[in-house]
Amino acid sequence: MTIEVVIVDHPIVADSLASVRSIDTPNGEFRRHVERVGLVLMAEATRHLPTQTTAVTTPLCDTTAVRLIASPVLVPVLRAGLGLLAPAQQLLPDSPVGFVGVARDEHTFEPVAYVNKLADDLEGRPVIVLDPMLATGGSLLHVINLLTDHGNALPLTVVCLLAAPEGIDRLRAAELPIDVTIVTASVDERLNESAFIVPGLGDAGDRLFGRPG
């Protein structure tokens, strides 16, 4: 199966990306800019959703219109994925939301799962995963495995602010059972020795919500 990477080249994205990268941006402003970028990324991520032609009546006459056939399932990866949920729901207010919680083992950098709130049957339903950082790819692989276990067989869309080449390569090497499209603002240079994206933006969860405790 294929891994397609779509880098959204847009001045609004570039402007807000400068703010989310900056160490001087406080949490509130960081959240605002993540949501601003998220709207543009979500617009691109939903470009190919299935539609149908229907009829509507304007104040002047009857005419044809296009509507979504079905709203996709939104799956934010806790906790940082919550930063992209508001813009996703702004565009898709009727979409159901599932949650997957994945923490990072700071020694192995591998995912440690702690939440799985997905519908029992996702067969035939488009899914959009929301995760600001695609670093090692371990968390996303875990989420994809969960989704396919729940019956998701359609091409999967992943929305992230930043991606690392190592994470993309890991997904390509995994021989996934479904096609995946990654919609991102940037593919950055590399991962550092602590598996953080460089130049990156630091810990997305901490910068969105502050350090716990």
Foldseek 3Di string as FASTA:
>chain_A
DAEAEAADDDPLLVVLVVLLQDPPRAQVSNLVSLQSNLLVLLCVLCVPQDKDKDWDQDPVGIDIDIDGPDQAEEEEEPDLLVSNVVSNCVVVVPHHYWYWYWDADQVVRATDTDDGGDDQACAPGAYEYGDAEQFQLRVVVVVLVVCVNSPYAEEHEYEYAEYEPNNSVVVVVVPRNHYYYYYYNYHAYHADPSRAGVVHNPDSVCSNPNDDD
